[in-house]
């Protein structure tokens, strides 16, 4: 919704190029990482410099805003954690003389595999019947919270030691003393 307060024709107003802005970045980005650029312009015949600022002081800790160009970048990416919040809403104000306008920036975070896998227990025991037939035999199920790409662990099957690794989405079994 847009509310205009002021006189009729000939009055000036300040307006952002977009009603809201959307940006997608990885969680925990490095300081200086580009997020987006917001732009406002004066509607009418006047031409004056426009200054941008962030409304919330908490946002100023996380984001840096160039007050003259509207470029928004990262100030402290450690505060952007996908596991805490997948989306951040930032209010930006543009001003010129006695004119003001606001817009919203929605920053969507993408997950990075930055946490080690967490298993419910350290050791899992399982067994299966001797002589099971078929291409696949169910032995046990282990659940984890995070992707285990490149993670290695070992399983002992009777006297056989088996190394299981996950690489590029493939579960690989290697019998070590067969």
Foldseek 3Di string as FASTA:
>chain_A
DDDDDDDDPQDKAKAKPDQAAEFEDAALDDFFAWTDAIDMAMPHDDDFFKFKDWDDVVVVCFWDADGRGRTITGNGRNVGACVVPQKDKTKMWMDTDHHIDIHIYIYGHDYDQPDAKDWPDDDDDWDDDPPDDDPDDDTDDTDTDTDQAQPKDWDCDPPWIWIWHHHPNDTDIDTDPD
